[in-house]
Amino acid sequence: MKKPDIVKEIRKKYPYLEEKTIKKVVDGIFDAMINALANGERIEIRNLGSFKVTKRKKPLKGKRRISYSKTVLFRPGKVIKNSLKNLEK
């Protein structure tokens, strides 16, 4: 699912809202999340999950040095875990 798909899903649920308004809100939410993660903050959205920035070891080939890179870790919440259990295999 891409950002335009999210806008379309919200538009289906709330047809009285204009598409450009929904797009601005979605962009605003994502911008706020990106800024929070860039500042090292943890994001927790109940029932969805949590995001946090962590350091990951990144060994350099041919050298004994180890560098670190930052990555975002997502831990799913209870609702996502339960819905994944109910998926057909």
C-alpha atoms as a PDB file:
ATOM      1  CA  MET A   1       0.000   0.000   0.000  1.00  0.00           C
ATOM      2  CA  LYS A   2       1.312   3.412  -0.971  1.00  0.00           C
ATOM      3  CA  LYS A   3       0.426   6.883   0.273  1.00  0.00           C
ATOM      4  CA  PRO A   4      -2.196   7.495  -2.485  1.00  0.00           C
ATOM      5  CA  ASP A   5      -3.844   4.198  -1.511  1.00  0.00           C
ATOM      6  CA  ILE A   6      -4.104   5.388   2.090  1.00  0.00           C
ATOM      7  CA  VAL A   7      -5.711   8.633   0.887  1.00  0.00           C
ATOM      8  CA  LYS A   8      -8.226   6.634  -1.196  1.00  0.00           C
ATOM      9  CA  GLU A   9      -9.127   4.385   1.747  1.00  0.00           C
ATOM     10  CA  ILE A  10      -9.747   7.398   3.979  1.00  0.00           C
ATOM     11  CA  ARG A  11     -11.777   9.027   1.189  1.00  0.00           C
ATOM     12  CA  LYS A  12     -14.000   5.908   0.993  1.00  0.00           C
ATOM     13  CA  LYS A  13     -14.613   6.024   4.722  1.00  0.00           C
ATOM     14  CA  TYR A  14     -15.169   9.798   4.880  1.00  0.00           C
ATOM     15  CA  PRO A  15     -16.576  10.851   1.476  1.00  0.00           C
ATOM     16  CA  TYR A  16     -17.483  14.336   2.733  1.00  0.00           C
ATOM     17  CA  LEU A  17     -13.785  15.245   3.078  1.00  0.00           C
ATOM     18  CA  GLU A  18     -11.917  16.624   0.097  1.00  0.00           C
ATOM     19  CA  GLU A  19      -9.084  14.520  -1.277  1.00  0.00           C
ATOM     20  CA  LYS A  20      -6.566  17.368  -1.063  1.00  0.00           C
ATOM     21  CA  THR A  21      -7.446  17.885   2.619  1.00  0.00           C
ATOM     22  CA  ILE A  22      -6.934  14.194   3.346  1.00  0.00           C
ATOM     23  CA  LYS A  23      -3.603  14.272   1.491  1.00  0.00           C
ATOM     24  CA  LYS A  24      -2.440  17.245   3.598  1.00  0.00           C
ATOM     25  CA  VAL A  25      -3.379  15.443   6.815  1.00  0.00           C
ATOM     26  CA  VAL A  26      -1.626  12.215   5.768  1.00  0.00           C
ATOM     27  CA  ASP A  27       1.478  14.180   4.731  1.00  0.00           C
ATOM     28  CA  GLY A  28       1.402  16.035   8.044  1.00  0.00           C
ATOM     29  CA  ILE A  29       1.232  12.810  10.035  1.00  0.00           C
ATOM     30  CA  PHE A  30       4.140  11.282   8.127  1.00  0.00           C
ATOM     31  CA  ASP A  31       6.198  14.485   8.427  1.00  0.00           C
ATOM     32  CA  ALA A  32       5.628  14.554  12.188  1.00  0.00           C
ATOM     33  CA  MET A  33       6.686  10.894  12.456  1.00  0.00           C
ATOM     34  CA  ILE A  34       9.824  11.484  10.380  1.00  0.00           C
ATOM     35  CA  ASN A  35      10.790  14.529  12.457  1.00  0.00           C
ATOM     36  CA  ALA A  36      10.252  12.653  15.726  1.00  0.00           C
ATOM     37  CA  LEU A  37      12.392   9.720  14.576  1.00  0.00           C
ATOM     38  CA  ALA A  38      15.099  12.083  13.263  1.00  0.00           C
ATOM     39  CA  ASN A  39      15.225  13.620  16.755  1.00  0.00           C
ATOM     40  CA  GLY A  40      15.634  10.178  18.335  1.00  0.00           C
ATOM     41  CA  GLU A  41      12.127  10.081  19.796  1.00  0.00           C
ATOM     42  CA  ARG A  42      10.043   6.941  20.138  1.00  0.00           C
ATOM     43  CA  ILE A  43       6.631   6.810  18.460  1.00  0.00           C
ATOM     44  CA  GLU A  44       3.875   4.683  19.944  1.00  0.00           C
ATOM     45  CA  ILE A  45       0.506   4.294  18.268  1.00  0.00           C
ATOM     46  CA  ARG A  46      -1.842   2.195  20.361  1.00  0.00           C
ATOM     47  CA  ASN A  47      -3.006  -1.034  18.712  1.00  0.00           C
ATOM     48  CA  LEU A  48      -0.689  -0.418  15.742  1.00  0.00           C
ATOM     49  CA  GLY A  49       2.772  -0.610  17.262  1.00  0.00           C
ATOM     50  CA  SER A  50       5.843   1.424  18.084  1.00  0.00           C
ATOM     51  CA  PHE A  51       8.761   2.841  16.123  1.00  0.00           C
ATOM     52  CA  LYS A  52      12.178   3.678  17.512  1.00  0.00           C
ATOM     53  CA  VAL A  53      15.633   4.466  16.161  1.00  0.00           C
ATOM     54  CA  THR A  54      18.339   1.941  17.000  1.00  0.00           C
ATOM     55  CA  LYS A  55      22.006   1.522  16.160  1.00  0.00           C
ATOM     56  CA  ARG A  56      23.038  -1.502  14.160  1.00  0.00           C
ATOM     57  CA  LYS A  57      26.554  -2.879  13.841  1.00  0.00           C
ATOM     58  CA  LYS A  58      27.874  -2.696  10.335  1.00  0.00           C
ATOM     59  CA  PRO A  59      31.214  -4.486   9.920  1.00  0.00           C
ATOM     60  CA  LEU A  60      33.492  -3.041   7.275  1.00  0.00           C
ATOM     61  CA  LYS A  61      34.804  -5.668   4.857  1.00  0.00           C
ATOM     62  CA  GLY A  62      38.508  -6.364   5.030  1.00  0.00           C
ATOM     63  CA  LYS A  63      38.969  -4.340   8.188  1.00  0.00           C
ATOM     64  CA  ARG A  64      38.511  -5.075  11.846  1.00  0.00           C
ATOM     65  CA  ARG A  65      36.675  -1.822  12.450  1.00  0.00           C
ATOM     66  CA  ILE A  66      32.952  -1.861  13.048  1.00  0.00           C
ATOM     67  CA  SER A  67      30.835   1.107  12.127  1.00  0.00           C
ATOM     68  CA  TYR A  68      27.296   1.763  13.252  1.00  0.00           C
ATOM     69  CA  SER A  69      24.316   2.730  11.188  1.00  0.00           C
ATOM     70  CA  LYS A  70      20.971   3.937  12.449  1.00  0.00           C
ATOM     71  CA  THR A  71      17.798   2.130  11.506  1.00  0.00           C
ATOM     72  CA  VAL A  72      14.142   2.267  12.484  1.00  0.00           C
ATOM     73  CA  LEU A  73      12.770  -0.672  14.439  1.00  0.00           C
ATOM     74  CA  PHE A  74       9.029  -1.367  14.282  1.00  0.00           C
ATOM     75  CA  ARG A  75       7.369  -3.547  16.902  1.00  0.00           C
ATOM     76  CA  PRO A  76       3.801  -4.494  15.984  1.00  0.00           C
ATOM     77  CA  GLY A  77       0.991  -3.983  18.466  1.00  0.00           C
ATOM     78  CA  LYS A  78      -1.583  -6.463  19.661  1.00  0.00           C
ATOM     79  CA  VAL A  79      -4.124  -5.782  16.898  1.00  0.00           C
ATOM     80  CA  ILE A  80      -1.588  -6.396  14.121  1.00  0.00           C
ATOM     81  CA  LYS A  81      -0.230  -9.515  15.810  1.00  0.00           C
ATOM     82  CA  ASN A  82      -3.729 -10.953  16.173  1.00  0.00           C
ATOM     83  CA  SER A  83      -4.721 -10.127  12.594  1.00  0.00           C
ATOM     84  CA  LEU A  84      -1.568 -11.819  11.289  1.00  0.00           C
ATOM     85  CA  LYS A  85      -2.408 -14.952  13.260  1.00  0.00           C
ATOM     86  CA  ASN A  86      -5.794 -15.068  11.553  1.00  0.00           C
ATOM     87  CA  LEU A  87      -4.353 -14.949   8.012  1.00  0.00           C
ATOM     88  CA  GLU A  88      -4.774 -18.075   5.971  1.00  0.00           C
ATOM     89  CA  LYS A  89      -1.543 -19.857   5.181  1.00  0.00           C
END
